[in-house]
Amino acid sequence: MTQTLLQNARLIDPEGDAITSGDVLLGDGVIQEIYPEGSEKALQKLGSVERVECGGAFLAPGIVDIGVKIGEPGERHKESYKTAGLAAAAGGVTTIVTRPDTSPAIDTPEALEFIRRRANDATPVNVLPMAALTKGREGREMTEIGFLMDAGAVAFTDCDAVVTDTRVLARAMTYARGLGALVMGHPQDPGLSRGAAATSGKFASLRGLPTVSPMAERMGLDRDIALIEMTGVRYHADQITTARALPALERAKANGFDVTAGTSMHHLTLNEMDVSDYRTFFKVKPPLRSEDDRQAVIEAVRTGLIDIIGSFHTPQDEESKRLPFEEAASGAVGLETMLPVLLRLYHSGELPLPVLFRALSLNPARRLGLPAGRMAKGAPADLVLFDADKPLILDRFKLQSKSKNTPFDGARLQGKVLRTYVAGRCVWKAG
């Protein structure tokens, strides 16, 4: 058995809400031992192991990214499993949870099995697939949830194709509840949000963009919470991005419903003003919100009301983005950029690193029933080593993803992934 000792690291423990100094021994795919600072005698007894000098860099549980879009099948020119896996490894993401909004949708066990084979063959990181909640993501007939779970589906979602027929959604949730399946919703009123390119307000009005009120998110969440109360389903709201939705989420949790919520890296670090002169790389779904909303969502992450942060990696080719703002495709890549972008919140003092990795690693792993996301003896050796202070200017053409649609092109950031480990094996090394 090959063992690796990561020496002189600052260890981020999201469970214990602490940062300590020490060494970590990896072997047989797990963390075999954590040596606190001052354990020289114990380290001398280790004998022959591969030793990696970390030089005081931060060592944290690898990121578990829920809601990643891959182009296969149907849109391989935008992103393949190979390029997505490389981007994930370069960004410290050790587990990607893929969306079913492909072409065609992942709504059968056969399609899911294809995805699993492709992922295992092409990616150096863990890949867990989600499946569609309704056939073709059309909101008319639920999928074979039981068979899809047997095939490896970890959750069920129609992504941004919100199920408008409440009866169909209630039946799907009831069936999922009986099987213990996790349902992921996209809290938006589909009528109000249809065709919107920006959040309603003075900024969007001055630019003549079609808008959606923040209340559309609140209304969508209210409906889903009522159905959760009726069915008892395990539920995760994929993106909460407005202050108006937070009281409803808080009440749902206070009432004991099995509800968690996520938000995106873009809604934590950008606001509606960043659209500026119709820059389509800043067009995401839901649209960027006001600065007040952004601050409210950051506070919700800090307190734990919002549980999970995701990249919502959505690759789009140049032809889809080089269009008038209203017509351009929504979405941005984020697997490789998420950690350095979110470190802005650490450097500004808004989110401590243990809180950040609680939302990036521990909570998503717990929601999916995974043993990952912990800095503890016996936990999977899925880890990211990074220098939080390393300055860089992001160049989108150097990203590992096939598509280069990032709103952070040319941005000055601080934070660089040095190494990424999956099951104790180094799958990414800077340089």
Protein backbone atom coordinates (compact mmCIF):
# COMPACT_ATOMS: atom_id res chain seq x y z
CA MET A 1 0.00 0.00 0.00
CA THR A 2 1.41 3.39 -1.04
CA GLN A 3 1.13 6.05 1.64
CA THR A 4 1.44 9.80 1.22
CA LEU A 5 2.19 12.26 3.99
CA LEU A 6 1.08 15.85 3.42
CA GLN A 7 3.34 17.87 5.69
CA ASN A 8 3.07 21.33 7.22
CA ALA A 9 -0.46 22.17 6.06
CA ARG A 10 -3.16 24.32 7.57
CA LEU A 11 -6.08 21.94 7.93
CA ILE A 12 -9.62 23.23 7.37
CA ASP A 13 -12.17 21.24 9.38
CA PRO A 14 -15.73 22.25 8.39
CA GLU A 15 -17.21 19.83 10.96
CA GLY A 16 -15.27 21.29 13.87
CA ASP A 17 -15.40 24.85 12.45
CA ALA A 18 -11.65 25.14 12.93
CA ILE A 19 -8.31 25.62 11.21
CA THR A 20 -5.30 23.84 12.71
CA SER A 21 -1.74 23.10 11.63
CA GLY A 22 -0.51 19.58 11.09
CA ASP A 23 0.26 16.67 8.79
CA VAL A 24 -2.13 14.22 7.10
CA LEU A 25 -1.32 10.63 6.17
CA LEU A 26 -3.17 9.19 3.18
CA GLY A 27 -3.39 5.52 2.29
CA ASP A 28 -5.80 2.92 0.95
CA GLY A 29 -8.06 5.70 -0.34
CA VAL A 30 -8.73 7.27 3.07
CA ILE A 31 -7.22 9.64 5.62
CA GLN A 32 -5.28 7.21 7.80
CA GLU A 33 -4.11 9.66 10.43
CA ILE A 34 -4.03 13.36 11.24
CA TYR A 35 -0.97 14.51 13.16
CA PRO A 36 -1.29 17.82 15.00
CA GLU A 37 1.58 20.26 15.06
CA GLY A 38 4.36 18.98 17.33
CA SER A 39 4.02 15.27 16.45
CA GLU A 40 7.63 14.86 15.27
CA LYS A 41 8.23 11.62 17.22
CA ALA A 42 5.20 9.93 15.71
CA LEU A 43 6.15 11.10 12.23
CA GLN A 44 9.66 9.67 12.58
CA LYS A 45 8.19 6.19 13.08
CA LEU A 46 6.36 6.24 9.75
CA GLY A 47 9.32 4.98 7.78
CA SER A 48 9.11 4.96 3.99
CA VAL A 49 6.23 7.11 2.76
CA GLU A 50 5.90 9.66 0.00
CA ARG A 51 6.26 13.06 1.63
CA VAL A 52 4.74 16.21 0.15
CA GLU A 53 5.79 19.54 1.65
CA CYS A 54 2.75 21.85 1.77
CA GLY A 55 4.61 24.91 3.03
CA GLY A 56 1.71 26.20 5.14
CA ALA A 57 -0.87 26.01 2.34
CA PHE A 58 -4.48 25.21 3.21
CA LEU A 59 -5.67 21.59 3.01
CA ALA A 60 -9.44 21.10 2.86
CA PRO A 61 -11.98 18.40 1.98
CA GLY A 62 -12.51 18.27 -1.79
CA ILE A 63 -15.45 20.21 -3.19
CA VAL A 64 -18.69 18.32 -3.87
CA ASP A 65 -20.34 20.30 -6.68
CA ILE A 66 -24.07 19.70 -7.13
CA GLY A 67 -25.66 20.77 -10.42
CA VAL A 68 -22.93 20.45 -13.07
CA LYS A 69 -23.99 20.47 -16.73
CA ILE A 70 -22.06 18.17 -19.07
CA GLY A 71 -22.66 18.26 -22.82
CA GLU A 72 -22.87 14.48 -23.24
CA PRO A 73 -25.05 13.25 -24.76
CA GLY A 74 -26.07 15.67 -27.48
CA GLU A 75 -23.80 18.69 -26.94
CA ARG A 76 -20.32 17.24 -26.68
CA HIS A 77 -18.94 20.28 -28.52
CA LYS A 78 -19.74 22.36 -25.43
CA GLU A 79 -18.31 20.04 -22.79
CA SER A 80 -17.25 16.41 -22.59
CA TYR A 81 -16.73 14.28 -19.52
CA LYS A 82 -13.00 14.36 -20.17
CA THR A 83 -12.75 18.16 -20.23
CA ALA A 84 -15.18 18.58 -17.33
CA GLY A 85 -13.16 16.11 -15.27
CA LEU A 86 -9.95 18.02 -15.95
CA ALA A 87 -11.64 21.32 -15.07
CA ALA A 88 -12.96 19.83 -11.84
CA ALA A 89 -9.57 18.48 -10.82
CA ALA A 90 -7.93 21.84 -11.60
CA GLY A 91 -10.54 23.58 -9.45
CA GLY A 92 -10.32 21.32 -6.38
CA VAL A 93 -13.66 19.65 -7.15
CA THR A 94 -13.40 15.96 -6.25
CA THR A 95 -17.06 15.00 -6.84
CA ILE A 96 -19.32 16.38 -9.55
CA VAL A 97 -23.06 15.75 -9.42
CA THR A 98 -24.35 16.04 -12.97
CA ARG A 99 -27.63 17.49 -14.18
CA PRO A 100 -30.01 15.57 -16.47
CA ASP A 101 -30.79 18.54 -18.76
CA THR A 102 -28.94 16.98 -21.67
CA SER A 103 -30.15 16.27 -25.20
CA PRO A 104 -31.91 13.89 -24.79
CA ALA A 105 -32.64 14.16 -21.08
CA ILE A 106 -31.33 11.53 -18.67
CA ASP A 107 -34.72 9.96 -17.93
CA THR A 108 -34.17 6.19 -18.41
CA PRO A 109 -31.91 3.62 -16.71
CA GLU A 110 -30.22 2.98 -20.06
CA ALA A 111 -29.27 6.65 -20.50
CA LEU A 112 -28.04 6.77 -16.92
CA GLU A 113 -25.89 3.70 -17.43
CA PHE A 114 -24.33 5.32 -20.51
CA ILE A 115 -23.47 8.37 -18.43
CA ARG A 116 -21.90 6.29 -15.69
CA ARG A 117 -19.71 4.35 -18.14
CA ARG A 118 -18.56 7.52 -19.90
CA ALA A 119 -17.79 9.23 -16.61
CA ASN A 120 -15.81 6.30 -15.22
CA ASP A 121 -13.75 6.03 -18.40
CA ALA A 122 -13.03 9.72 -18.91
CA THR A 123 -12.81 11.58 -15.60
CA PRO A 124 -10.23 11.53 -12.79
CA VAL A 125 -12.83 12.66 -10.21
CA ASN A 126 -15.97 11.10 -8.76
CA VAL A 127 -19.11 11.55 -10.89
CA LEU A 128 -22.62 11.07 -9.50
CA PRO A 129 -25.56 11.49 -11.90
CA MET A 130 -28.97 13.00 -11.23
CA ALA A 131 -31.96 11.91 -13.30
CA ALA A 132 -34.98 13.75 -14.64
CA LEU A 133 -38.07 13.90 -12.45
CA THR A 134 -40.46 13.75 -15.42
CA LYS A 135 -40.02 12.12 -18.81
CA GLY A 136 -38.23 14.40 -21.23
CA ARG A 137 -38.34 17.08 -18.52
CA GLU A 138 -41.73 17.95 -19.99
CA GLY A 139 -43.69 17.94 -16.71
CA ARG A 140 -46.37 15.51 -17.87
CA GLU A 141 -45.39 12.05 -16.62
CA MET A 142 -42.95 11.09 -13.89
CA THR A 143 -39.95 8.90 -14.65
CA GLU A 144 -39.31 5.42 -13.25
CA ILE A 145 -37.77 6.74 -10.07
CA GLY A 146 -37.15 3.33 -8.51
CA PHE A 147 -35.38 1.88 -11.55
CA LEU A 148 -33.31 5.06 -11.92
CA MET A 149 -32.24 4.85 -8.27
CA ASP A 150 -31.17 1.24 -8.85
CA ALA A 151 -29.13 2.49 -11.83
CA GLY A 152 -27.31 5.01 -9.64
CA ALA A 153 -29.32 8.25 -9.66
CA VAL A 154 -28.59 10.26 -6.51
CA ALA A 155 -31.39 12.84 -6.95
CA PHE A 156 -34.23 13.79 -9.31
CA THR A 157 -34.76 17.16 -10.97
CA ASP A 158 -36.14 18.77 -14.09
CA CYS A 159 -33.62 21.60 -13.56
CA ASP A 160 -34.95 24.93 -14.86
CA ALA A 161 -37.91 23.25 -16.64
CA VAL A 162 -40.26 23.89 -13.71
CA VAL A 163 -43.16 21.41 -13.51
CA THR A 164 -46.24 23.58 -13.99
CA ASP A 165 -48.82 20.84 -13.34
CA THR A 166 -49.02 20.74 -9.55
CA ARG A 167 -50.83 17.39 -9.59
CA VAL A 168 -48.01 15.76 -11.55
CA LEU A 169 -45.41 17.25 -9.21
CA ALA A 170 -47.34 16.11 -6.12
CA ARG A 171 -47.55 12.55 -7.47
CA ALA A 172 -43.84 12.49 -8.27
CA MET A 173 -42.98 13.82 -4.81
CA THR A 174 -45.24 11.25 -3.13
CA TYR A 175 -43.61 8.43 -5.08
CA ALA A 176 -40.14 9.79 -4.31
CA ARG A 177 -41.04 10.00 -0.62
CA GLY A 178 -41.92 6.30 -0.60
CA LEU A 179 -38.51 5.43 -2.00
CA GLY A 180 -36.54 7.93 0.08
CA ALA A 181 -35.42 9.76 -3.07
CA LEU A 182 -34.15 13.34 -3.02
CA VAL A 183 -36.05 15.80 -5.24
CA MET A 184 -34.29 18.98 -6.34
CA GLY A 185 -36.46 21.93 -7.36
CA HIS A 186 -35.79 25.20 -9.16
CA PRO A 187 -37.83 27.76 -7.19
CA GLN A 188 -39.28 30.04 -9.85
CA ASP A 189 -42.81 30.83 -10.95
CA PRO A 190 -42.52 29.74 -14.60
CA GLY A 191 -45.10 32.22 -15.88
CA LEU A 192 -43.43 35.26 -14.34
CA SER A 193 -39.89 34.18 -15.21
CA ARG A 194 -40.53 33.11 -18.81
CA GLY A 195 -38.32 35.04 -21.22
CA ALA A 196 -36.68 37.14 -18.49
CA ALA A 197 -33.09 38.26 -18.96
CA ALA A 198 -32.67 40.45 -15.87
CA THR A 199 -34.11 41.15 -12.43
CA SER A 200 -36.76 43.88 -12.36
CA GLY A 201 -35.55 47.26 -11.19
CA LYS A 202 -34.22 50.60 -12.37
CA PHE A 203 -31.05 49.12 -13.88
CA ALA A 204 -32.90 46.67 -16.16
CA SER A 205 -35.52 49.28 -17.10
CA LEU A 206 -32.84 51.73 -18.25
CA ARG A 207 -31.41 49.05 -20.52
CA GLY A 208 -34.76 47.88 -21.85
CA LEU A 209 -34.31 44.26 -20.81
CA PRO A 210 -37.19 41.82 -20.16
CA THR A 211 -37.32 41.28 -16.41
CA VAL A 212 -38.62 39.03 -13.66
CA SER A 213 -39.59 40.12 -10.16
CA PRO A 214 -37.72 38.60 -7.20
CA MET A 215 -41.18 37.52 -6.02
CA ALA A 216 -41.17 34.82 -8.72
CA GLU A 217 -38.59 32.94 -6.67
CA ARG A 218 -40.60 33.39 -3.48
CA MET A 219 -43.80 32.18 -5.17
CA GLY A 220 -42.09 29.12 -6.64
CA LEU A 221 -40.57 28.22 -3.27
CA ASP A 222 -43.90 28.73 -1.47
CA ARG A 223 -45.60 26.27 -3.80
CA ASP A 224 -42.87 23.68 -3.39
CA ILE A 225 -42.92 24.02 0.41
CA ALA A 226 -46.68 23.42 0.45
CA LEU A 227 -46.15 20.22 -1.55
CA ILE A 228 -43.32 19.18 0.78
CA GLU A 229 -45.70 19.59 3.72
CA MET A 230 -48.30 17.50 1.89
CA THR A 231 -45.97 14.69 0.74
CA GLY A 232 -43.10 14.64 3.25
CA VAL A 233 -40.52 14.38 0.45
CA ARG A 234 -36.79 15.05 0.87
CA TYR A 235 -36.27 18.32 -1.01
CA HIS A 236 -33.42 20.56 -2.06
CA ALA A 237 -33.92 24.01 -3.60
CA ASP A 238 -31.15 24.36 -6.15
CA GLN A 239 -30.70 28.14 -6.08
CA ILE A 240 -32.00 30.65 -3.56
CA THR A 241 -30.85 34.05 -4.78
CA THR A 242 -33.18 36.68 -3.29
CA ALA A 243 -33.84 38.08 0.17
CA ARG A 244 -37.58 37.65 -0.36
CA ALA A 245 -37.29 33.84 -0.45
CA LEU A 246 -35.30 33.52 2.78
CA PRO A 247 -38.18 33.90 5.31
CA ALA A 248 -40.12 31.08 3.60
CA LEU A 249 -37.04 28.86 3.69
CA GLU A 250 -36.49 29.66 7.36
CA ARG A 251 -40.10 28.77 8.22
CA ALA A 252 -39.87 25.48 6.33
CA LYS A 253 -36.78 24.47 8.29
CA ALA A 254 -38.31 25.62 11.58
CA ASN A 255 -41.35 23.44 10.85
CA GLY A 256 -39.10 20.39 10.61
CA PHE A 257 -39.46 19.74 6.89
CA ASP A 258 -36.63 17.81 5.24
CA VAL A 259 -35.50 20.84 3.24
CA THR A 260 -32.08 22.13 2.24
CA ALA A 261 -31.16 24.97 -0.10
CA GLY A 262 -28.28 25.99 -2.31
CA THR A 263 -27.06 29.04 -4.12
CA SER A 264 -24.55 29.70 -6.87
CA MET A 265 -21.05 31.15 -6.85
CA HIS A 266 -22.20 33.84 -9.27
CA HIS A 267 -25.05 35.12 -7.10
CA LEU A 268 -22.65 35.33 -4.14
CA THR A 269 -20.01 37.36 -5.96
CA LEU A 270 -21.81 39.36 -8.69
CA ASN A 271 -24.85 41.63 -8.87
CA GLU A 272 -27.13 43.06 -11.57
CA MET A 273 -24.80 46.00 -12.19
CA ASP A 274 -22.13 43.65 -13.54
CA VAL A 275 -24.19 43.12 -16.68
CA SER A 276 -23.08 46.66 -17.57
CA ASP A 277 -23.04 47.11 -21.36
CA TYR A 278 -25.00 43.94 -22.14
CA ARG A 279 -22.11 41.56 -21.43
CA THR A 280 -23.65 38.16 -22.16
CA PHE A 281 -21.07 36.18 -20.15
CA PHE A 282 -22.90 37.64 -17.14
CA LYS A 283 -26.25 36.24 -18.25
CA VAL A 284 -27.10 33.39 -15.89
CA LYS A 285 -30.30 31.75 -14.65
CA PRO A 286 -31.81 33.04 -12.41
CA PRO A 287 -30.56 36.48 -13.51
CA LEU A 288 -28.11 38.36 -11.31
CA ARG A 289 -29.82 40.12 -8.41
CA SER A 290 -29.46 43.39 -6.54
CA GLU A 291 -26.58 44.07 -4.15
CA ASP A 292 -29.02 43.88 -1.21
CA ASP A 293 -30.03 40.38 -2.34
CA ARG A 294 -26.40 39.36 -2.70
CA GLN A 295 -25.58 40.49 0.83
CA ALA A 296 -28.65 38.72 2.23
CA VAL A 297 -27.66 35.45 0.53
CA ILE A 298 -24.08 35.71 1.85
CA GLU A 299 -25.48 36.15 5.37
CA ALA A 300 -27.76 33.13 4.85
CA VAL A 301 -24.74 31.01 3.91
CA ARG A 302 -22.83 32.28 6.94
CA THR A 303 -25.64 31.36 9.34
CA GLY A 304 -26.35 28.03 7.66
CA LEU A 305 -29.83 28.91 6.40
CA ILE A 306 -28.50 28.24 2.90
CA ASP A 307 -26.66 24.95 3.11
CA ILE A 308 -24.80 24.48 -0.16
CA ILE A 309 -22.82 26.51 -2.71
CA GLY A 310 -22.47 25.20 -6.26
CA SER A 311 -20.80 26.34 -9.45
CA PHE A 312 -23.86 25.52 -11.63
CA HIS A 313 -21.31 24.92 -14.36
CA THR A 314 -23.19 25.55 -17.62
CA PRO A 315 -20.93 25.51 -20.71
CA GLN A 316 -22.12 27.47 -23.75
CA ASP A 317 -20.29 27.84 -27.05
CA GLU A 318 -19.29 31.18 -28.52
CA GLU A 319 -22.19 31.14 -30.99
CA SER A 320 -24.68 30.89 -28.12
CA LYS A 321 -23.17 33.85 -26.28
CA ARG A 322 -22.21 36.20 -29.11
CA LEU A 323 -25.81 37.38 -29.48
CA PRO A 324 -27.89 40.32 -28.23
CA PHE A 325 -28.30 39.99 -24.45
CA GLU A 326 -31.97 39.04 -24.62
CA GLU A 327 -31.28 36.24 -27.12
CA ALA A 328 -28.03 34.89 -25.69
CA ALA A 329 -27.96 31.57 -23.85
CA SER A 330 -27.83 31.64 -20.05
CA GLY A 331 -25.07 30.11 -18.00
CA ALA A 332 -21.36 30.23 -17.17
CA VAL A 333 -18.63 27.70 -16.55
CA GLY A 334 -17.47 27.45 -12.96
CA LEU A 335 -15.78 24.16 -12.08
CA GLU A 336 -12.28 25.58 -12.32
CA THR A 337 -13.04 29.14 -11.20
CA MET A 338 -15.31 28.50 -8.21
CA LEU A 339 -12.69 28.29 -5.46
CA PRO A 340 -10.61 31.38 -6.38
CA VAL A 341 -13.80 33.37 -7.01
CA LEU A 342 -15.37 32.41 -3.67
CA LEU A 343 -12.13 33.19 -1.86
CA ARG A 344 -13.10 36.83 -2.49
CA LEU A 345 -15.61 36.34 0.34
CA TYR A 346 -12.86 34.98 2.60
CA HIS A 347 -10.48 37.84 1.83
CA SER A 348 -13.25 40.39 2.43
CA GLY A 349 -14.01 38.85 5.83
CA GLU A 350 -17.55 37.82 4.89
CA LEU A 351 -17.14 34.02 5.08
CA PRO A 352 -14.47 32.20 7.13
CA LEU A 353 -12.86 29.22 5.40
CA PRO A 354 -14.51 26.54 7.62
CA VAL A 355 -17.92 28.07 6.81
CA LEU A 356 -17.07 28.22 3.12
CA PHE A 357 -16.05 24.55 3.01
CA ARG A 358 -19.06 23.57 5.08
CA ALA A 359 -21.15 24.78 2.15
CA LEU A 360 -18.79 23.51 -0.56
CA SER A 361 -17.92 20.07 0.83
CA LEU A 362 -19.51 18.90 4.06
CA ASN A 363 -23.16 19.85 3.52
CA PRO A 364 -23.49 18.62 -0.08
CA ALA A 365 -21.85 15.32 0.92
CA ARG A 366 -24.23 14.93 3.86
CA ARG A 367 -27.27 15.74 1.71
CA LEU A 368 -26.33 12.99 -0.71
CA GLY A 369 -25.40 10.51 2.02
CA LEU A 370 -21.70 10.50 1.14
CA PRO A 371 -18.84 9.98 3.62
CA ALA A 372 -16.82 12.75 1.93
CA GLY A 373 -16.49 16.40 2.93
CA ARG A 374 -14.72 15.76 6.25
CA MET A 375 -11.21 16.30 7.56
CA ALA A 376 -11.16 13.26 9.84
CA LYS A 377 -9.47 9.91 10.26
CA GLY A 378 -11.18 7.30 8.08
CA ALA A 379 -12.80 9.86 5.78
CA PRO A 380 -12.22 9.51 2.01
CA ALA A 381 -8.90 11.02 0.96
CA ASP A 382 -10.61 13.49 -1.39
CA LEU A 383 -8.72 16.70 -0.66
CA VAL A 384 -7.68 20.02 -2.14
CA LEU A 385 -4.43 21.82 -1.31
CA PHE A 386 -4.50 25.52 -2.17
CA ASP A 387 -2.70 28.80 -1.62
CA ALA A 388 -5.41 31.28 -0.62
CA ASP A 389 -3.17 34.31 -1.19
CA LYS A 390 -1.67 33.52 -4.59
CA PRO A 391 -2.64 36.38 -6.97
CA LEU A 392 -3.75 35.60 -10.50
CA ILE A 393 -5.42 37.24 -13.46
CA LEU A 394 -7.94 34.82 -14.90
CA ASP A 395 -7.51 34.01 -18.59
CA ARG A 396 -10.52 32.14 -19.90
CA PHE A 397 -8.55 30.63 -22.77
CA LYS A 398 -6.40 28.75 -20.25
CA LEU A 399 -9.38 27.00 -18.66
CA GLN A 400 -9.64 23.23 -19.03
CA SER A 401 -13.30 23.38 -20.10
CA LYS A 402 -14.16 23.22 -23.79
CA SER A 403 -16.39 26.26 -23.41
CA LYS A 404 -14.84 29.47 -22.11
CA ASN A 405 -17.96 31.39 -21.05
CA THR A 406 -16.86 32.80 -17.71
CA PRO A 407 -17.83 36.25 -16.44
CA PHE A 408 -14.48 36.43 -14.62
CA ASP A 409 -12.26 36.67 -17.69
CA GLY A 410 -9.52 39.18 -16.87
CA ALA A 411 -10.56 39.40 -13.21
CA ARG A 412 -7.89 39.82 -10.53
CA LEU A 413 -8.32 36.96 -8.05
CA GLN A 414 -6.47 35.49 -5.08
CA GLY A 415 -6.27 31.74 -4.67
CA LYS A 416 -4.67 28.88 -6.57
CA VAL A 417 -5.24 25.13 -6.38
CA LEU A 418 -1.87 23.42 -5.87
CA ARG A 419 -2.94 19.78 -5.73
CA THR A 420 -6.15 17.78 -5.84
CA TYR A 421 -6.41 14.27 -4.40
CA VAL A 422 -9.15 11.72 -5.14
CA ALA A 423 -9.06 8.55 -3.01
CA GLY A 424 -5.51 9.49 -2.03
CA ARG A 425 -4.27 9.76 -5.61
CA CYS A 426 -3.03 13.12 -6.92
CA VAL A 427 -5.19 13.94 -9.95
CA TRP A 428 -4.05 17.56 -10.34
CA LYS A 429 -0.76 19.29 -9.64
CA ALA A 430 -0.26 22.96 -10.48
CA GLY A 431 2.32 23.56 -13.18
